[in-house]
Amino acid sequence: MANTRREDTRLTVARHAARLFVKNGLAATSGAQIAAASGLSERTIWRYFASKESCVEPLFLAASMQFHGKLRQWPRNVSIEAHLQECCKLDGTAPEDIEDALLAVLLLTRMTEEPALRAVWLVACYQVEQDMIDIIADRLDRSKKDFDVRLCAATIAASMRLIDETISIAAIDHGQIFTTEQVAQEMAQAIRKASTLPICDPIMPNVFGAATFPERDKS
């Protein structure tokens, strides 16, 4: 319970810090301002975070882990394209989660002029990679320690990072409009291109041993 309260507090601080960074920029935002917006003492802020830029790490992680939660529900008999089209619908998504995702998108567009934010983003992306190892290993019934599993997780995590950054910049800086279906399609294509193991197509169970992979329809 204590850990849950701590993480809730960290996420609350991250939201306030993100709004200040988006409005004023990183350099013009102080720890005192983040503390005041969060209703906490500055001393408490530094107990939770090592630096002011690291205050937004829980926000990056929340958005990423929400997506990974959907990936963990990926049925083995469903392709990545079909699964993402279904699970990326906004039906039933909490308004707070949508706002978190938008804040993360806005932060991603600031990374060119705010390199300290990129460092925090990359830390969050590393956690995404570790989570991807679990998903791939579970889907293929392989060990999380296998090099091929870890390599596949690394390439997929990198592709997801690039898609997140590309779509964010295109939408915010260039006014390009994406539907949720388009975002799901782009993400699925990126995952498929980056996969070094056959995880994207339906996997059929084999009672005699290894999983089998049906031939993909190329028509």
N, C-alpha and C. Protein backbone atom coordinates (compact mmCIF):
# COMPACT_ATOMS: atom_id res chain seq x y z
N MET A 1 0.83 -1.20 0.00
CA MET A 1 0.00 0.00 0.00
C MET A 1 0.87 1.26 0.00
N ALA A 2 1.94 1.24 0.78
CA ALA A 2 2.83 2.40 0.84
C ALA A 2 3.46 2.68 -0.51
N ASN A 3 3.88 1.60 -1.20
CA ASN A 3 4.47 1.77 -2.52
C ASN A 3 3.46 2.34 -3.51
N THR A 4 2.19 1.90 -3.38
CA THR A 4 1.15 2.43 -4.27
C THR A 4 0.96 3.92 -4.05
N ARG A 5 0.91 4.35 -2.79
CA ARG A 5 0.77 5.78 -2.49
C ARG A 5 1.96 6.56 -3.02
N ARG A 6 3.15 5.98 -2.88
CA ARG A 6 4.35 6.65 -3.37
C ARG A 6 4.28 6.83 -4.89
N GLU A 7 3.90 5.78 -5.59
CA GLU A 7 3.84 5.86 -7.05
C GLU A 7 2.73 6.82 -7.50
N ASP A 8 1.61 6.83 -6.78
CA ASP A 8 0.54 7.78 -7.11
C ASP A 8 1.02 9.22 -6.94
N THR A 9 1.77 9.45 -5.87
CA THR A 9 2.30 10.80 -5.62
C THR A 9 3.30 11.18 -6.70
N ARG A 10 4.16 10.25 -7.06
CA ARG A 10 5.15 10.52 -8.11
C ARG A 10 4.47 10.86 -9.44
N LEU A 11 3.40 10.15 -9.77
CA LEU A 11 2.69 10.42 -11.01
C LEU A 11 1.99 11.77 -10.96
N THR A 12 1.44 12.12 -9.81
CA THR A 12 0.82 13.44 -9.65
C THR A 12 1.84 14.54 -9.87
N VAL A 13 3.01 14.39 -9.26
CA VAL A 13 4.08 15.37 -9.45
C VAL A 13 4.48 15.45 -10.92
N ALA A 14 4.58 14.27 -11.57
CA ALA A 14 4.97 14.22 -12.98
C ALA A 14 3.99 15.02 -13.85
N ARG A 15 2.71 14.90 -13.56
CA ARG A 15 1.71 15.64 -14.34
C ARG A 15 1.89 17.14 -14.19
N HIS A 16 2.10 17.59 -12.96
CA HIS A 16 2.28 19.02 -12.73
C HIS A 16 3.59 19.51 -13.36
N ALA A 17 4.63 18.72 -13.22
CA ALA A 17 5.92 19.11 -13.81
C ALA A 17 5.81 19.19 -15.33
N ALA A 18 5.12 18.22 -15.94
CA ALA A 18 4.98 18.21 -17.40
C ALA A 18 4.24 19.45 -17.88
N ARG A 19 3.18 19.83 -17.18
CA ARG A 19 2.44 21.03 -17.58
C ARG A 19 3.32 22.27 -17.49
N LEU A 20 4.12 22.35 -16.46
CA LEU A 20 5.02 23.51 -16.31
C LEU A 20 6.10 23.50 -17.39
N PHE A 21 6.66 22.33 -17.69
CA PHE A 21 7.70 22.24 -18.72
C PHE A 21 7.13 22.64 -20.08
N VAL A 22 5.91 22.19 -20.37
CA VAL A 22 5.28 22.51 -21.65
C VAL A 22 4.98 24.01 -21.74
N LYS A 23 4.53 24.59 -20.66
CA LYS A 23 4.14 26.00 -20.66
C LYS A 23 5.35 26.93 -20.62
N ASN A 24 6.33 26.61 -19.75
CA ASN A 24 7.41 27.56 -19.49
C ASN A 24 8.78 27.11 -19.99
N GLY A 25 8.93 25.83 -20.30
CA GLY A 25 10.24 25.30 -20.64
C GLY A 25 10.93 24.75 -19.40
N LEU A 26 11.90 23.90 -19.62
CA LEU A 26 12.59 23.25 -18.51
C LEU A 26 13.42 24.24 -17.71
N ALA A 27 14.19 25.08 -18.39
CA ALA A 27 15.09 26.01 -17.70
C ALA A 27 14.33 27.01 -16.83
N ALA A 28 13.15 27.41 -17.28
CA ALA A 28 12.37 28.42 -16.56
C ALA A 28 11.49 27.84 -15.46
N THR A 29 11.56 26.54 -15.28
CA THR A 29 10.76 25.87 -14.24
C THR A 29 11.67 25.43 -13.10
N SER A 30 11.31 25.77 -11.89
CA SER A 30 12.12 25.41 -10.72
C SER A 30 11.48 24.29 -9.93
N GLY A 31 12.29 23.68 -9.09
CA GLY A 31 11.76 22.66 -8.19
C GLY A 31 10.71 23.22 -7.27
N ALA A 32 10.89 24.48 -6.86
CA ALA A 32 9.92 25.13 -5.98
C ALA A 32 8.58 25.28 -6.68
N GLN A 33 8.61 25.59 -7.97
CA GLN A 33 7.36 25.73 -8.72
C GLN A 33 6.65 24.38 -8.87
N ILE A 34 7.42 23.34 -9.11
CA ILE A 34 6.84 22.00 -9.21
C ILE A 34 6.21 21.60 -7.88
N ALA A 35 6.91 21.90 -6.80
CA ALA A 35 6.40 21.57 -5.46
C ALA A 35 5.11 22.32 -5.18
N ALA A 36 5.08 23.62 -5.50
CA ALA A 36 3.89 24.43 -5.24
C ALA A 36 2.70 23.93 -6.04
N ALA A 37 2.94 23.59 -7.30
CA ALA A 37 1.85 23.10 -8.15
C ALA A 37 1.33 21.76 -7.65
N SER A 38 2.21 20.97 -7.07
CA SER A 38 1.85 19.63 -6.59
C SER A 38 1.28 19.63 -5.18
N GLY A 39 1.38 20.76 -4.50
CA GLY A 39 0.91 20.84 -3.12
C GLY A 39 1.82 20.12 -2.15
N LEU A 40 3.11 20.05 -2.47
CA LEU A 40 4.10 19.38 -1.62
C LEU A 40 5.23 20.34 -1.28
N SER A 41 6.04 19.95 -0.33
CA SER A 41 7.23 20.75 -0.03
C SER A 41 8.32 20.43 -1.06
N GLU A 42 9.20 21.39 -1.26
CA GLU A 42 10.30 21.14 -2.20
C GLU A 42 11.18 20.00 -1.69
N ARG A 43 11.31 19.89 -0.39
CA ARG A 43 12.10 18.80 0.20
C ARG A 43 11.51 17.45 -0.18
N THR A 44 10.18 17.35 -0.20
CA THR A 44 9.52 16.10 -0.59
C THR A 44 9.79 15.79 -2.05
N ILE A 45 9.77 16.81 -2.89
CA ILE A 45 10.05 16.60 -4.32
C ILE A 45 11.42 15.96 -4.50
N TRP A 46 12.42 16.48 -3.79
CA TRP A 46 13.78 15.94 -3.97
C TRP A 46 13.96 14.59 -3.28
N ARG A 47 13.04 14.25 -2.40
CA ARG A 47 13.08 12.91 -1.83
C ARG A 47 12.57 11.88 -2.85
N TYR A 48 11.68 12.30 -3.72
CA TYR A 48 11.11 11.42 -4.73
C TYR A 48 11.90 11.41 -6.04
N PHE A 49 12.58 12.52 -6.34
CA PHE A 49 13.24 12.66 -7.64
C PHE A 49 14.65 13.22 -7.49
N ALA A 50 15.55 12.77 -8.38
CA ALA A 50 16.95 13.20 -8.32
C ALA A 50 17.16 14.56 -8.97
N SER A 51 16.29 14.96 -9.89
CA SER A 51 16.43 16.22 -10.60
C SER A 51 15.06 16.67 -11.08
N LYS A 52 14.95 17.93 -11.48
CA LYS A 52 13.63 18.41 -11.90
C LYS A 52 13.17 17.73 -13.19
N GLU A 53 14.12 17.44 -14.12
CA GLU A 53 13.70 16.78 -15.36
C GLU A 53 13.22 15.35 -15.11
N SER A 54 13.79 14.70 -14.10
CA SER A 54 13.38 13.32 -13.81
C SER A 54 11.97 13.26 -13.22
N CYS A 55 11.42 14.42 -12.87
CA CYS A 55 10.05 14.44 -12.34
C CYS A 55 9.03 13.91 -13.34
N VAL A 56 9.34 13.97 -14.65
CA VAL A 56 8.35 13.53 -15.64
C VAL A 56 8.52 12.06 -16.01
N GLU A 57 9.50 11.38 -15.45
CA GLU A 57 9.70 9.96 -15.80
C GLU A 57 8.47 9.11 -15.52
N PRO A 58 7.77 9.28 -14.37
CA PRO A 58 6.56 8.46 -14.15
C PRO A 58 5.49 8.67 -15.21
N LEU A 59 5.43 9.86 -15.80
CA LEU A 59 4.45 10.13 -16.85
C LEU A 59 4.80 9.35 -18.11
N PHE A 60 6.08 9.38 -18.50
CA PHE A 60 6.52 8.60 -19.66
C PHE A 60 6.23 7.12 -19.43
N LEU A 61 6.53 6.64 -18.24
CA LEU A 61 6.32 5.22 -17.93
C LEU A 61 4.84 4.86 -17.91
N ALA A 62 4.02 5.74 -17.39
CA ALA A 62 2.58 5.45 -17.30
C ALA A 62 1.99 5.27 -18.69
N ALA A 63 2.36 6.16 -19.62
CA ALA A 63 1.84 6.06 -20.98
C ALA A 63 2.34 4.79 -21.66
N SER A 64 3.62 4.49 -21.47
CA SER A 64 4.21 3.31 -22.11
C SER A 64 3.65 2.01 -21.52
N MET A 65 3.55 1.96 -20.20
CA MET A 65 3.08 0.74 -19.55
C MET A 65 1.60 0.48 -19.79
N GLN A 66 0.84 1.54 -20.06
CA GLN A 66 -0.56 1.34 -20.42
C GLN A 66 -0.64 0.58 -21.74
N PHE A 67 0.22 0.95 -22.69
CA PHE A 67 0.27 0.25 -23.97
C PHE A 67 0.75 -1.19 -23.77
N HIS A 68 1.73 -1.37 -22.91
CA HIS A 68 2.26 -2.71 -22.68
C HIS A 68 1.25 -3.59 -21.97
N GLY A 69 0.41 -2.99 -21.15
CA GLY A 69 -0.65 -3.76 -20.52
C GLY A 69 -1.56 -4.38 -21.57
N LYS A 70 -1.79 -3.63 -22.65
CA LYS A 70 -2.61 -4.16 -23.75
C LYS A 70 -1.85 -5.25 -24.51
N LEU A 71 -0.55 -5.07 -24.68
CA LEU A 71 0.24 -6.10 -25.35
C LEU A 71 0.25 -7.40 -24.55
N ARG A 72 0.22 -7.29 -23.24
CA ARG A 72 0.21 -8.50 -22.40
C ARG A 72 -1.08 -9.30 -22.57
N GLN A 73 -2.13 -8.66 -23.07
CA GLN A 73 -3.40 -9.35 -23.30
C GLN A 73 -3.50 -9.89 -24.72
N TRP A 74 -2.42 -9.85 -25.47
CA TRP A 74 -2.39 -10.27 -26.87
C TRP A 74 -2.60 -11.77 -26.99
N PRO A 75 -3.74 -12.22 -27.52
CA PRO A 75 -3.98 -13.67 -27.67
C PRO A 75 -3.00 -14.27 -28.68
N ARG A 76 -2.60 -15.49 -28.44
CA ARG A 76 -1.61 -16.12 -29.32
C ARG A 76 -2.16 -16.39 -30.72
N ASN A 77 -3.47 -16.49 -30.82
CA ASN A 77 -4.05 -16.82 -32.13
C ASN A 77 -4.46 -15.58 -32.92
N VAL A 78 -3.93 -14.42 -32.53
CA VAL A 78 -4.28 -13.16 -33.19
C VAL A 78 -3.01 -12.46 -33.65
N SER A 79 -3.05 -11.85 -34.83
CA SER A 79 -1.89 -11.12 -35.35
C SER A 79 -1.72 -9.80 -34.61
N ILE A 80 -0.52 -9.22 -34.71
CA ILE A 80 -0.26 -7.94 -34.05
C ILE A 80 -1.17 -6.85 -34.61
N GLU A 81 -1.42 -6.88 -35.93
CA GLU A 81 -2.27 -5.86 -36.54
C GLU A 81 -3.70 -5.92 -35.99
N ALA A 82 -4.25 -7.12 -35.94
CA ALA A 82 -5.62 -7.29 -35.46
C ALA A 82 -5.73 -6.91 -33.99
N HIS A 83 -4.73 -7.28 -33.21
CA HIS A 83 -4.78 -7.00 -31.77
C HIS A 83 -4.70 -5.50 -31.50
N LEU A 84 -3.77 -4.80 -32.15
CA LEU A 84 -3.63 -3.37 -31.89
C LEU A 84 -4.83 -2.58 -32.39
N GLN A 85 -5.42 -3.00 -33.50
CA GLN A 85 -6.62 -2.31 -33.97
C GLN A 85 -7.74 -2.42 -32.94
N GLU A 86 -7.81 -3.55 -32.27
CA GLU A 86 -8.87 -3.75 -31.28
C GLU A 86 -8.57 -3.04 -29.97
N CYS A 87 -7.34 -3.18 -29.47
CA CYS A 87 -7.06 -2.70 -28.12
C CYS A 87 -6.69 -1.22 -28.07
N CYS A 88 -6.40 -0.60 -29.20
CA CYS A 88 -6.04 0.82 -29.20
C CYS A 88 -7.25 1.73 -29.36
N LYS A 89 -8.45 1.17 -29.39
CA LYS A 89 -9.65 2.00 -29.40
C LYS A 89 -9.75 2.74 -28.07
N LEU A 90 -10.29 3.95 -28.13
CA LEU A 90 -10.36 4.78 -26.93
C LEU A 90 -11.61 4.49 -26.09
N ASP A 91 -12.45 3.58 -26.55
CA ASP A 91 -13.66 3.25 -25.80
C ASP A 91 -13.29 2.80 -24.40
N GLY A 92 -13.86 3.46 -23.40
CA GLY A 92 -13.62 3.06 -22.02
C GLY A 92 -12.33 3.58 -21.44
N THR A 93 -11.52 4.31 -22.23
CA THR A 93 -10.27 4.86 -21.71
C THR A 93 -10.57 6.03 -20.80
N ALA A 94 -9.97 6.04 -19.62
CA ALA A 94 -10.21 7.10 -18.65
C ALA A 94 -9.68 8.43 -19.19
N PRO A 95 -10.41 9.53 -19.00
CA PRO A 95 -9.95 10.85 -19.45
C PRO A 95 -8.55 11.20 -18.92
N GLU A 96 -8.27 10.77 -17.70
CA GLU A 96 -6.96 11.04 -17.11
C GLU A 96 -5.84 10.35 -17.89
N ASP A 97 -6.11 9.13 -18.37
CA ASP A 97 -5.11 8.41 -19.16
C ASP A 97 -4.88 9.09 -20.51
N ILE A 98 -5.96 9.61 -21.10
CA ILE A 98 -5.83 10.33 -22.37
C ILE A 98 -5.02 11.61 -22.16
N GLU A 99 -5.27 12.30 -21.07
CA GLU A 99 -4.51 13.53 -20.78
C GLU A 99 -3.04 13.22 -20.53
N ASP A 100 -2.77 12.11 -19.83
CA ASP A 100 -1.38 11.69 -19.61
C ASP A 100 -0.67 11.44 -20.93
N ALA A 101 -1.35 10.76 -21.84
CA ALA A 101 -0.75 10.46 -23.14
C ALA A 101 -0.47 11.74 -23.92
N LEU A 102 -1.39 12.70 -23.85
CA LEU A 102 -1.18 13.97 -24.54
C LEU A 102 -0.01 14.74 -23.95
N LEU A 103 0.10 14.76 -22.63
CA LEU A 103 1.23 15.42 -21.98
C LEU A 103 2.55 14.79 -22.41
N ALA A 104 2.57 13.45 -22.48
CA ALA A 104 3.79 12.75 -22.92
C ALA A 104 4.14 13.13 -24.35
N VAL A 105 3.12 13.22 -25.21
CA VAL A 105 3.34 13.63 -26.60
C VAL A 105 3.94 15.03 -26.67
N LEU A 106 3.39 15.94 -25.90
CA LEU A 106 3.91 17.32 -25.89
C LEU A 106 5.36 17.38 -25.40
N LEU A 107 5.69 16.57 -24.42
CA LEU A 107 7.07 16.53 -23.93
C LEU A 107 8.02 15.99 -24.99
N LEU A 108 7.56 14.97 -25.73
CA LEU A 108 8.42 14.39 -26.76
C LEU A 108 8.80 15.41 -27.83
N THR A 109 7.91 16.35 -28.09
CA THR A 109 8.22 17.36 -29.11
C THR A 109 9.19 18.41 -28.59
N ARG A 110 9.45 18.43 -27.28
CA ARG A 110 10.37 19.41 -26.70
C ARG A 110 11.80 18.90 -26.59
N MET A 111 12.02 17.64 -26.96
CA MET A 111 13.32 17.02 -26.66
C MET A 111 14.48 17.59 -27.47
N THR A 112 14.20 18.14 -28.64
CA THR A 112 15.28 18.70 -29.44
C THR A 112 15.94 19.87 -28.73
N GLU A 113 15.11 20.74 -28.15
CA GLU A 113 15.66 21.89 -27.42
C GLU A 113 15.86 21.61 -25.94
N GLU A 114 15.38 20.48 -25.47
CA GLU A 114 15.53 20.10 -24.05
C GLU A 114 16.17 18.72 -23.95
N PRO A 115 17.49 18.61 -24.20
CA PRO A 115 18.15 17.30 -24.20
C PRO A 115 18.04 16.56 -22.86
N ALA A 116 17.88 17.29 -21.77
CA ALA A 116 17.73 16.63 -20.47
C ALA A 116 16.46 15.79 -20.43
N LEU A 117 15.43 16.24 -21.15
CA LEU A 117 14.20 15.45 -21.22
C LEU A 117 14.41 14.17 -22.00
N ARG A 118 15.26 14.24 -23.05
CA ARG A 118 15.54 13.03 -23.82
C ARG A 118 16.20 11.96 -22.95
N ALA A 119 17.09 12.38 -22.07
CA ALA A 119 17.75 11.42 -21.18
C ALA A 119 16.73 10.69 -20.31
N VAL A 120 15.75 11.43 -19.81
CA VAL A 120 14.69 10.82 -18.99
C VAL A 120 13.83 9.90 -19.84
N TRP A 121 13.52 10.30 -21.05
CA TRP A 121 12.73 9.49 -21.98
C TRP A 121 13.44 8.18 -22.28
N LEU A 122 14.75 8.23 -22.47
CA LEU A 122 15.50 7.01 -22.78
C LEU A 122 15.53 6.05 -21.59
N VAL A 123 15.54 6.59 -20.38
CA VAL A 123 15.45 5.73 -19.20
C VAL A 123 14.11 4.99 -19.19
N ALA A 124 13.04 5.71 -19.51
CA ALA A 124 11.72 5.07 -19.58
C ALA A 124 11.67 4.03 -20.69
N CYS A 125 12.33 4.32 -21.81
CA CYS A 125 12.35 3.37 -22.93
C CYS A 125 13.09 2.10 -22.57
N TYR A 126 14.10 2.20 -21.71
CA TYR A 126 14.81 1.01 -21.26
C TYR A 126 13.87 0.11 -20.46
N GLN A 127 13.01 0.71 -19.65
CA GLN A 127 12.04 -0.08 -18.90
C GLN A 127 11.05 -0.75 -19.84
N VAL A 128 10.68 -0.05 -20.92
CA VAL A 128 9.81 -0.64 -21.94
C VAL A 128 10.47 -1.87 -22.53
N GLU A 129 11.77 -1.78 -22.82
CA GLU A 129 12.51 -2.91 -23.38
C GLU A 129 12.49 -4.10 -22.43
N GLN A 130 12.68 -3.85 -21.13
CA GLN A 130 12.66 -4.95 -20.16
C GLN A 130 11.29 -5.60 -20.10
N ASP A 131 10.25 -4.80 -20.18
CA ASP A 131 8.90 -5.34 -20.16
C ASP A 131 8.62 -6.14 -21.43
N MET A 132 9.19 -5.70 -22.54
CA MET A 132 8.99 -6.39 -23.82
C MET A 132 9.63 -7.77 -23.79
N ILE A 133 10.70 -7.94 -23.05
CA ILE A 133 11.33 -9.25 -22.91
C ILE A 133 10.33 -10.25 -22.34
N ASP A 134 9.60 -9.83 -21.31
CA ASP A 134 8.60 -10.72 -20.70
C ASP A 134 7.51 -11.10 -21.69
N ILE A 135 7.05 -10.12 -22.47
CA ILE A 135 5.97 -10.37 -23.42
C ILE A 135 6.40 -11.36 -24.49
N ILE A 136 7.60 -11.16 -25.03
CA ILE A 136 8.09 -12.04 -26.10
C ILE A 136 8.36 -13.45 -25.56
N ALA A 137 9.00 -13.52 -24.41
CA ALA A 137 9.31 -14.83 -23.84
C ALA A 137 8.03 -15.61 -23.55
N ASP A 138 7.03 -14.93 -23.04
CA ASP A 138 5.76 -15.60 -22.74
C ASP A 138 5.06 -16.05 -24.02
N ARG A 139 5.09 -15.22 -25.06
CA ARG A 139 4.40 -15.56 -26.30
C ARG A 139 5.04 -16.76 -26.99
N LEU A 140 6.36 -16.90 -26.87
CA LEU A 140 7.07 -17.97 -27.55
C LEU A 140 7.45 -19.13 -26.63
N ASP A 141 7.06 -19.06 -25.35
CA ASP A 141 7.43 -20.09 -24.38
C ASP A 141 8.95 -20.27 -24.32
N ARG A 142 9.65 -19.16 -24.25
CA ARG A 142 11.11 -19.21 -24.18
C ARG A 142 11.59 -18.50 -22.93
N SER A 143 12.84 -18.71 -22.60
CA SER A 143 13.42 -18.09 -21.41
C SER A 143 13.66 -16.61 -21.65
N LYS A 144 13.43 -15.81 -20.61
CA LYS A 144 13.71 -14.38 -20.68
C LYS A 144 15.20 -14.10 -20.80
N LYS A 145 16.01 -15.11 -20.51
CA LYS A 145 17.46 -14.93 -20.57
C LYS A 145 18.03 -15.20 -21.97
N ASP A 146 17.22 -15.78 -22.86
CA ASP A 146 17.70 -16.09 -24.21
C ASP A 146 18.13 -14.81 -24.92
N PHE A 147 19.30 -14.88 -25.56
CA PHE A 147 19.79 -13.71 -26.28
C PHE A 147 18.83 -13.28 -27.37
N ASP A 148 18.28 -14.25 -28.12
CA ASP A 148 17.38 -13.91 -29.22
C ASP A 148 16.13 -13.19 -28.72
N VAL A 149 15.64 -13.57 -27.55
CA VAL A 149 14.48 -12.91 -26.96
C VAL A 149 14.83 -11.47 -26.58
N ARG A 150 15.99 -11.30 -25.96
CA ARG A 150 16.41 -9.95 -25.54
C ARG A 150 16.71 -9.07 -26.74
N LEU A 151 17.28 -9.66 -27.80
CA LEU A 151 17.55 -8.90 -29.02
C LEU A 151 16.25 -8.43 -29.66
N CYS A 152 15.28 -9.31 -29.74
CA CYS A 152 14.00 -8.96 -30.32
C CYS A 152 13.33 -7.85 -29.51
N ALA A 153 13.40 -7.95 -28.20
CA ALA A 153 12.82 -6.92 -27.33
C ALA A 153 13.50 -5.57 -27.56
N ALA A 154 14.81 -5.59 -27.73
CA ALA A 154 15.55 -4.34 -27.93
C ALA A 154 15.17 -3.68 -29.26
N THR A 155 15.05 -4.46 -30.31
CA THR A 155 14.71 -3.88 -31.61
C THR A 155 13.27 -3.37 -31.65
N ILE A 156 12.37 -4.11 -31.01
CA ILE A 156 10.98 -3.66 -30.97
C ILE A 156 10.85 -2.40 -30.12
N ALA A 157 11.52 -2.37 -28.98
CA ALA A 157 11.45 -1.18 -28.12
C ALA A 157 11.99 0.05 -28.85
N ALA A 158 13.06 -0.13 -29.62
CA ALA A 158 13.62 0.99 -30.39
C ALA A 158 12.63 1.46 -31.45
N SER A 159 11.95 0.52 -32.10
CA SER A 159 10.98 0.91 -33.13
C SER A 159 9.79 1.63 -32.52
N MET A 160 9.35 1.20 -31.35
CA MET A 160 8.24 1.85 -30.67
C MET A 160 8.62 3.26 -30.25
N ARG A 161 9.85 3.42 -29.77
CA ARG A 161 10.33 4.76 -29.41
C ARG A 161 10.31 5.68 -30.62
N LEU A 162 10.80 5.19 -31.75
CA LEU A 162 10.86 6.01 -32.95
C LEU A 162 9.47 6.38 -33.46
N ILE A 163 8.54 5.43 -33.42
CA ILE A 163 7.17 5.72 -33.83
C ILE A 163 6.54 6.76 -32.91
N ASP A 164 6.72 6.61 -31.61
CA ASP A 164 6.17 7.58 -30.66
C ASP A 164 6.69 8.99 -30.96
N GLU A 165 7.99 9.10 -31.17
CA GLU A 165 8.58 10.41 -31.43
C GLU A 165 8.10 10.97 -32.77
N THR A 166 8.07 10.13 -33.80
CA THR A 166 7.70 10.58 -35.15
C THR A 166 6.26 11.07 -35.19
N ILE A 167 5.34 10.29 -34.63
CA ILE A 167 3.93 10.68 -34.64
C ILE A 167 3.70 11.93 -33.79
N SER A 168 4.38 12.02 -32.66
CA SER A 168 4.23 13.19 -31.79
C SER A 168 4.65 14.46 -32.50
N ILE A 169 5.82 14.43 -33.14
CA ILE A 169 6.32 15.61 -33.85
C ILE A 169 5.43 15.96 -35.04
N ALA A 170 5.00 14.94 -35.78
CA ALA A 170 4.14 15.18 -36.93
C ALA A 170 2.82 15.82 -36.51
N ALA A 171 2.26 15.36 -35.38
CA ALA A 171 0.97 15.87 -34.93
C ALA A 171 1.08 17.27 -34.33
N ILE A 172 2.06 17.47 -33.45
CA ILE A 172 2.14 18.75 -32.72
C ILE A 172 2.84 19.83 -33.53
N ASP A 173 3.96 19.50 -34.13
CA ASP A 173 4.74 20.53 -34.83
C ASP A 173 4.25 20.79 -36.26
N HIS A 174 3.65 19.77 -36.89
CA HIS A 174 3.25 19.93 -38.29
C HIS A 174 1.75 19.82 -38.51
N GLY A 175 0.99 19.66 -37.43
CA GLY A 175 -0.47 19.68 -37.55
C GLY A 175 -1.07 18.49 -38.26
N GLN A 176 -0.30 17.40 -38.38
CA GLN A 176 -0.83 16.22 -39.04
C GLN A 176 -1.80 15.50 -38.11
N ILE A 177 -2.91 15.06 -38.67
CA ILE A 177 -3.96 14.41 -37.86
C ILE A 177 -3.91 12.91 -38.07
N PHE A 178 -3.92 12.16 -36.96
CA PHE A 178 -3.91 10.70 -37.01
C PHE A 178 -5.14 10.17 -36.28
N THR A 179 -5.79 9.19 -36.89
CA THR A 179 -6.85 8.48 -36.18
C THR A 179 -6.19 7.41 -35.31
N THR A 180 -6.95 6.89 -34.35
CA THR A 180 -6.41 5.82 -33.52
C THR A 180 -6.10 4.59 -34.37
N GLU A 181 -6.91 4.39 -35.43
CA GLU A 181 -6.66 3.25 -36.32
C GLU A 181 -5.33 3.41 -37.06
N GLN A 182 -5.02 4.64 -37.48
CA GLN A 182 -3.75 4.89 -38.16
C GLN A 182 -2.56 4.70 -37.22
N VAL A 183 -2.70 5.18 -35.99
CA VAL A 183 -1.63 5.00 -35.01
C VAL A 183 -1.40 3.52 -34.75
N ALA A 184 -2.48 2.77 -34.59
CA ALA A 184 -2.35 1.32 -34.36
C ALA A 184 -1.68 0.64 -35.54
N GLN A 185 -2.05 1.06 -36.75
CA GLN A 185 -1.46 0.46 -37.95
C GLN A 185 0.03 0.76 -38.04
N GLU A 186 0.42 2.02 -37.78
CA GLU A 186 1.83 2.39 -37.84
C GLU A 186 2.64 1.65 -36.77
N MET A 187 2.06 1.53 -35.58
CA MET A 187 2.76 0.83 -34.51
C MET A 187 2.91 -0.65 -34.84
N ALA A 188 1.87 -1.26 -35.37
CA ALA A 188 1.93 -2.68 -35.72
C ALA A 188 2.97 -2.93 -36.82
N GLN A 189 3.00 -2.05 -37.82
CA GLN A 189 3.98 -2.21 -38.90
C GLN A 189 5.40 -2.06 -38.37
N ALA A 190 5.60 -1.11 -37.46
CA ALA A 190 6.93 -0.91 -36.88
C ALA A 190 7.37 -2.13 -36.08
N ILE A 191 6.45 -2.69 -35.29
CA ILE A 191 6.77 -3.88 -34.50
C ILE A 191 7.09 -5.06 -35.42
N ARG A 192 6.30 -5.21 -36.49
CA ARG A 192 6.54 -6.31 -37.42
C ARG A 192 7.92 -6.17 -38.09
N LYS A 193 8.24 -4.98 -38.56
CA LYS A 193 9.52 -4.75 -39.23
C LYS A 193 10.70 -4.98 -38.29
N ALA A 194 10.51 -4.64 -37.02
CA ALA A 194 11.62 -4.73 -36.06
C ALA A 194 11.77 -6.11 -35.44
N SER A 195 10.75 -6.95 -35.56
CA SER A 195 10.78 -8.25 -34.89
C SER A 195 11.83 -9.16 -35.50
N THR A 196 12.70 -9.66 -34.68
CA THR A 196 13.71 -10.63 -35.12
C THR A 196 13.29 -12.06 -34.82
N LEU A 197 12.14 -12.21 -34.18
CA LEU A 197 11.55 -13.53 -33.92
C LEU A 197 10.12 -13.51 -34.44
N PRO A 198 9.55 -14.67 -34.77
CA PRO A 198 8.21 -14.73 -35.36
C PRO A 198 7.09 -14.59 -34.34
N ILE A 199 6.90 -13.37 -33.84
CA ILE A 199 5.88 -13.15 -32.82
C ILE A 199 4.64 -12.44 -33.35
N CYS A 200 4.70 -11.89 -34.56
CA CYS A 200 3.63 -11.00 -35.02
C CYS A 200 2.42 -11.72 -35.58
N ASP A 201 2.59 -12.94 -36.05
CA ASP A 201 1.49 -13.70 -36.60
C ASP A 201 0.93 -14.66 -35.55
N PRO A 202 -0.27 -15.21 -35.80
CA PRO A 202 -0.83 -16.17 -34.84
C PRO A 202 0.11 -17.33 -34.57
N ILE A 203 0.19 -17.71 -33.32
CA ILE A 203 1.03 -18.83 -32.91
C ILE A 203 0.12 -19.97 -32.46
N MET A 204 0.26 -21.11 -33.12
CA MET A 204 -0.60 -22.24 -32.81
C MET A 204 0.09 -23.17 -31.81
N PRO A 205 -0.61 -23.56 -30.76
CA PRO A 205 0.00 -24.45 -29.78
C PRO A 205 0.31 -25.82 -30.37
N ASN A 206 1.38 -26.40 -29.91
CA ASN A 206 1.78 -27.74 -30.36
C ASN A 206 1.95 -28.61 -29.12
N VAL A 207 1.07 -29.58 -28.95
CA VAL A 207 1.10 -30.40 -27.74
C VAL A 207 2.35 -31.26 -27.66
N PHE A 208 3.09 -31.38 -28.76
CA PHE A 208 4.28 -32.22 -28.76
C PHE A 208 5.57 -31.43 -28.54
N GLY A 209 5.45 -30.14 -28.33
CA GLY A 209 6.68 -29.38 -28.07
C GLY A 209 6.56 -27.93 -28.45
N ALA A 210 7.42 -27.49 -29.36
CA ALA A 210 7.51 -26.08 -29.69
C ALA A 210 6.25 -25.58 -30.38
N ALA A 211 6.02 -24.28 -30.25
CA ALA A 211 4.90 -23.67 -30.93
C ALA A 211 5.13 -23.70 -32.43
N THR A 212 4.02 -23.68 -33.19
CA THR A 212 4.13 -23.66 -34.64
C THR A 212 3.54 -22.36 -35.17
N PHE A 213 3.99 -21.95 -36.35
CA PHE A 213 3.59 -20.68 -36.89
C PHE A 213 2.96 -20.90 -38.25
N PRO A 214 1.67 -20.65 -38.42
CA PRO A 214 1.03 -20.85 -39.71
C PRO A 214 1.60 -19.93 -40.76
N GLU A 215 1.56 -20.38 -42.01
CA GLU A 215 2.07 -19.58 -43.11
C GLU A 215 1.23 -18.31 -43.24
N ARG A 216 1.88 -17.15 -43.33
CA ARG A 216 1.15 -15.91 -43.42
C ARG A 216 0.64 -15.70 -44.84
N ASP A 217 -0.62 -15.24 -44.92
CA ASP A 217 -1.22 -14.99 -46.22
C ASP A 217 -0.57 -13.76 -46.84
N LYS A 218 0.11 -13.92 -47.96
CA LYS A 218 0.83 -12.83 -48.60
C LYS A 218 0.03 -12.18 -49.71
N SER A 219 -1.21 -12.63 -49.89
CA SER A 219 -2.03 -12.07 -50.98
C SER A 219 -2.56 -10.69 -50.63
